[in-house]
C-alpha atoms as a PDB file:
ATOM      1  CA  MET A   1       0.000   0.000   0.000  1.00  0.00           C
ATOM      2  CA  GLN A   2       1.254   3.474  -0.882  1.00  0.00           C
ATOM      3  CA  THR A   3      -0.005   6.816   0.335  1.00  0.00           C
ATOM      4  CA  HIS A   4      -0.226   9.672  -2.167  1.00  0.00           C
ATOM      5  CA  TYR A   5      -0.899  13.373  -1.686  1.00  0.00           C
ATOM      6  CA  LEU A   6      -2.602  15.917  -3.902  1.00  0.00           C
ATOM      7  CA  SER A   7      -3.013  19.646  -3.333  1.00  0.00           C
ATOM      8  CA  VAL A   8      -6.544  20.893  -3.977  1.00  0.00           C
ATOM      9  CA  GLN A   9      -8.295  24.240  -3.836  1.00  0.00           C
ATOM     10  CA  LYS A  10     -10.852  24.637  -1.051  1.00  0.00           C
ATOM     11  CA  THR A  11     -13.333  27.400  -0.282  1.00  0.00           C
ATOM     12  CA  ALA A  12     -12.763  28.794   3.190  1.00  0.00           C
ATOM     13  CA  ARG A  13     -14.995  30.931   5.399  1.00  0.00           C
ATOM     14  CA  PHE A  14     -13.968  33.790   7.646  1.00  0.00           C
ATOM     15  CA  ALA A  15     -15.999  36.311   9.590  1.00  0.00           C
ATOM     16  CA  THR A  16     -15.319  39.989  10.262  1.00  0.00           C
ATOM     17  CA  LEU A  17     -16.585  42.286  12.970  1.00  0.00           C
ATOM     18  CA  HIS A  18     -16.842  46.090  12.766  1.00  0.00           C
ATOM     19  CA  GLU A  19     -15.761  48.136   9.746  1.00  0.00           C
ATOM     20  CA  LEU A  20     -12.252  48.767   8.480  1.00  0.00           C
ATOM     21  CA  THR A  21     -12.092  52.564   8.235  1.00  0.00           C
ATOM     22  CA  ASP A  22      -9.601  55.425   8.445  1.00  0.00           C
ATOM     23  CA  GLN A  23     -10.269  55.428  12.200  1.00  0.00           C
ATOM     24  CA  THR A  24      -9.257  51.774  12.620  1.00  0.00           C
ATOM     25  CA  ARG A  25      -6.130  51.475  14.759  1.00  0.00           C
ATOM     26  CA  HIS A  26      -6.172  47.759  15.605  1.00  0.00           C
ATOM     27  CA  ILE A  27      -6.761  44.734  13.400  1.00  0.00           C
ATOM     28  CA  TRP A  28      -7.246  41.459  15.254  1.00  0.00           C
ATOM     29  CA  PHE A  29      -6.840  38.071  13.568  1.00  0.00           C
ATOM     30  CA  VAL A  30      -8.506  35.637  15.970  1.00  0.00           C
ATOM     31  CA  CYS A  31      -8.561  31.834  15.758  1.00  0.00           C
ATOM     32  CA  HIS A  32     -11.333  29.885  17.437  1.00  0.00           C
ATOM     33  CA  GLY A  33     -10.925  26.753  19.524  1.00  0.00           C
ATOM     34  CA  TYR A  34     -12.018  23.178  18.912  1.00  0.00           C
ATOM     35  CA  GLY A  35     -15.667  22.795  17.919  1.00  0.00           C
ATOM     36  CA  GLN A  36     -16.336  26.504  17.431  1.00  0.00           C
ATOM     37  CA  LEU A  37     -17.432  28.322  14.269  1.00  0.00           C
ATOM     38  CA  ALA A  38     -16.100  31.733  13.219  1.00  0.00           C
ATOM     39  CA  PRO A  39     -19.447  33.620  13.035  1.00  0.00           C
ATOM     40  CA  TYR A  40     -20.236  32.719  16.652  1.00  0.00           C
ATOM     41  CA  PHE A  41     -16.711  32.935  18.050  1.00  0.00           C
ATOM     42  CA  ILE A  42     -16.131  36.432  16.697  1.00  0.00           C
ATOM     43  CA  GLN A  43     -19.010  37.761  18.804  1.00  0.00           C
ATOM     44  CA  LYS A  44     -16.767  37.406  21.876  1.00  0.00           C
ATOM     45  CA  PHE A  45     -14.828  40.382  20.513  1.00  0.00           C
ATOM     46  CA  ALA A  46     -17.859  42.679  20.246  1.00  0.00           C
ATOM     47  CA  VAL A  47     -16.642  44.410  23.423  1.00  0.00           C
ATOM     48  CA  LEU A  48     -13.824  46.028  21.435  1.00  0.00           C
ATOM     49  CA  PRO A  49     -14.624  49.616  20.422  1.00  0.00           C
ATOM     50  CA  PRO A  50     -16.010  49.419  16.856  1.00  0.00           C
ATOM     51  CA  GLU A  51     -14.573  52.757  15.786  1.00  0.00           C
ATOM     52  CA  SER A  52     -10.954  51.649  16.328  1.00  0.00           C
ATOM     53  CA  HIS A  53     -10.966  47.828  16.112  1.00  0.00           C
ATOM     54  CA  PHE A  54     -11.527  45.485  13.166  1.00  0.00           C
ATOM     55  CA  VAL A  55     -11.688  41.755  13.894  1.00  0.00           C
ATOM     56  CA  VAL A  56     -11.079  38.901  11.441  1.00  0.00           C
ATOM     57  CA  ALA A  57     -11.915  35.298  12.406  1.00  0.00           C
ATOM     58  CA  PRO A  58     -10.767  32.638   9.946  1.00  0.00           C
ATOM     59  CA  GLU A  59     -12.643  29.371  10.389  1.00  0.00           C
ATOM     60  CA  ALA A  60     -10.933  25.985  10.580  1.00  0.00           C
ATOM     61  CA  LEU A  61     -11.376  24.057   7.351  1.00  0.00           C
ATOM     62  CA  SER A  62     -12.683  20.795   8.810  1.00  0.00           C
ATOM     63  CA  ARG A  63     -16.302  20.869   9.976  1.00  0.00           C
ATOM     64  CA  PHE A  64     -17.999  18.021  11.803  1.00  0.00           C
ATOM     65  CA  TYR A  65     -21.143  17.168  13.751  1.00  0.00           C
ATOM     66  CA  MET A  66     -20.451  17.607  17.452  1.00  0.00           C
ATOM     67  CA  ASP A  67     -22.794  14.752  18.465  1.00  0.00           C
ATOM     68  CA  GLY A  68     -22.672  11.900  15.999  1.00  0.00           C
ATOM     69  CA  PHE A  69     -24.412  12.401  12.655  1.00  0.00           C
ATOM     70  CA  SER A  70     -26.602  15.437  13.316  1.00  0.00           C
ATOM     71  CA  GLY A  71     -27.055  18.459  15.507  1.00  0.00           C
ATOM     72  CA  LYS A  72     -24.592  21.240  16.229  1.00  0.00           C
ATOM     73  CA  VAL A  73     -21.715  21.667  13.767  1.00  0.00           C
ATOM     74  CA  GLY A  74     -18.223  22.584  14.913  1.00  0.00           C
ATOM     75  CA  ALA A  75     -14.875  23.069  13.211  1.00  0.00           C
ATOM     76  CA  THR A  76     -11.398  21.845  13.998  1.00  0.00           C
ATOM     77  CA  TRP A  77      -8.025  23.048  12.804  1.00  0.00           C
ATOM     78  CA  MET A  78      -6.238  19.732  12.616  1.00  0.00           C
ATOM     79  CA  THR A  79      -5.552  16.333  14.075  1.00  0.00           C
ATOM     80  CA  ARG A  80      -2.261  14.539  14.563  1.00  0.00           C
ATOM     81  CA  GLU A  81      -2.658  12.764  11.202  1.00  0.00           C
ATOM     82  CA  ASP A  82      -0.291  14.340   8.627  1.00  0.00           C
ATOM     83  CA  ARG A  83       0.126  17.296  10.972  1.00  0.00           C
ATOM     84  CA  GLU A  84       3.015  18.934   9.109  1.00  0.00           C
ATOM     85  CA  LEU A  85       1.010  19.026   5.874  1.00  0.00           C
ATOM     86  CA  GLU A  86      -1.997  20.437   7.764  1.00  0.00           C
ATOM     87  CA  ILE A  87       0.187  23.168   9.252  1.00  0.00           C
ATOM     88  CA  LYS A  88       1.536  24.030   5.803  1.00  0.00           C
ATOM     89  CA  ASP A  89      -1.995  24.233   4.362  1.00  0.00           C
ATOM     90  CA  TYR A  90      -3.266  26.356   7.247  1.00  0.00           C
ATOM     91  CA  LEU A  91      -0.367  28.765   7.038  1.00  0.00           C
ATOM     92  CA  ALA A  92      -1.114  29.276   3.351  1.00  0.00           C
ATOM     93  CA  TYR A  93      -4.788  29.855   4.234  1.00  0.00           C
ATOM     94  CA  LEU A  94      -4.073  32.274   7.099  1.00  0.00           C
ATOM     95  CA  ASN A  95      -1.564  34.185   4.990  1.00  0.00           C
ATOM     96  CA  GLN A  96      -4.135  34.489   2.199  1.00  0.00           C
ATOM     97  CA  VAL A  97      -6.739  35.893   4.615  1.00  0.00           C
ATOM     98  CA  TYR A  98      -4.122  38.272   6.012  1.00  0.00           C
ATOM     99  CA  LYS A  99      -3.124  39.499   2.546  1.00  0.00           C
ATOM    100  CA  GLN A 100      -6.749  40.060   1.544  1.00  0.00           C
ATOM    101  CA  VAL A 101      -7.461  42.171   4.629  1.00  0.00           C
ATOM    102  CA  ILE A 102      -4.179  44.071   4.536  1.00  0.00           C
ATOM    103  CA  SER A 103      -4.577  44.851   0.821  1.00  0.00           C
ATOM    104  CA  SER A 104      -7.370  47.264   1.725  1.00  0.00           C
ATOM    105  CA  PRO A 105      -6.201  50.894   1.477  1.00  0.00           C
ATOM    106  CA  LYS A 106      -7.700  51.447   4.946  1.00  0.00           C
ATOM    107  CA  ALA A 107      -5.245  48.904   6.384  1.00  0.00           C
ATOM    108  CA  ASN A 108      -2.132  50.679   5.121  1.00  0.00           C
ATOM    109  CA  GLN A 109      -1.851  53.197   7.926  1.00  0.00           C
ATOM    110  CA  LYS A 110       1.447  53.800   9.706  1.00  0.00           C
ATOM    111  CA  ASN A 111      -0.030  53.637  13.202  1.00  0.00           C
ATOM    112  CA  LEU A 112      -2.006  50.432  12.684  1.00  0.00           C
ATOM    113  CA  GLN A 113      -1.404  47.558  15.124  1.00  0.00           C
ATOM    114  CA  ILE A 114      -2.102  43.997  13.982  1.00  0.00           C
ATOM    115  CA  THR A 115      -2.637  41.257  16.552  1.00  0.00           C
ATOM    116  CA  PHE A 116      -2.884  37.533  15.876  1.00  0.00           C
ATOM    117  CA  TRP A 117      -4.788  35.845  18.712  1.00  0.00           C
ATOM    118  CA  ALA A 118      -5.213  32.112  19.156  1.00  0.00           C
ATOM    119  CA  PHE A 119      -6.034  29.750  21.972  1.00  0.00           C
ATOM    120  CA  ARG A 120      -2.647  28.054  21.716  1.00  0.00           C
ATOM    121  CA  LYS A 121       0.005  30.255  20.191  1.00  0.00           C
ATOM    122  CA  GLU A 122       2.646  27.523  20.673  1.00  0.00           C
ATOM    123  CA  ARG A 123       1.295  25.807  17.577  1.00  0.00           C
ATOM    124  CA  LEU A 124       1.740  28.899  15.422  1.00  0.00           C
ATOM    125  CA  ARG A 125       5.053  30.313  16.603  1.00  0.00           C
ATOM    126  CA  CYS A 126       7.760  30.860  14.018  1.00  0.00           C
ATOM    127  CA  ARG A 127       5.523  29.526  11.257  1.00  0.00           C
ATOM    128  CA  VAL A 128       3.364  32.429  10.236  1.00  0.00           C
ATOM    129  CA  GLY A 129       5.498  33.692   7.356  1.00  0.00           C
ATOM    130  CA  PRO A 130       4.487  37.201   6.250  1.00  0.00           C
ATOM    131  CA  LEU A 131       2.322  37.591   9.344  1.00  0.00           C
ATOM    132  CA  MET A 132       5.376  37.923  11.589  1.00  0.00           C
ATOM    133  CA  GLY A 133       6.466  41.315  10.303  1.00  0.00           C
ATOM    134  CA  ARG A 134       3.585  43.321  11.752  1.00  0.00           C
ATOM    135  CA  CYS A 135       1.922  41.014  14.267  1.00  0.00           C
ATOM    136  CA  ILE A 136       1.823  40.433  17.972  1.00  0.00           C
ATOM    137  CA  LEU A 137       1.176  36.801  18.881  1.00  0.00           C
ATOM    138  CA  THR A 138      -0.917  36.395  21.992  1.00  0.00           C
ATOM    139  CA  SER A 139      -3.259  33.931  23.639  1.00  0.00           C
END
């Protein structure tokens, strides 16, 4: 038996909160935990002042039913199976989301702070490519 790999294109979902404007001073990239979905998770950041904060929540690419074959749906970032390939794929995904948000003219301000927030930053350290230049990793 041989195992083979193939790269494929996948449609990903991410949620945003507040508006990216000239008044925006902080952009947050926030990653949800196991079993959460971006549109619900991002609501936890509604306490941030909308006039100065813009929040981006990428959603993990693997969705599943939380209880068997029906009911609530959750998402997970990865399992231990082929972990290094999963990390590579997710870094490409997160960098693509980052580039899309940062390409906005409103995001190219000199005094803009970008924060990447995740439940477990240990899994992301030193692997975020272009994100490292302007980001603060926190958890």
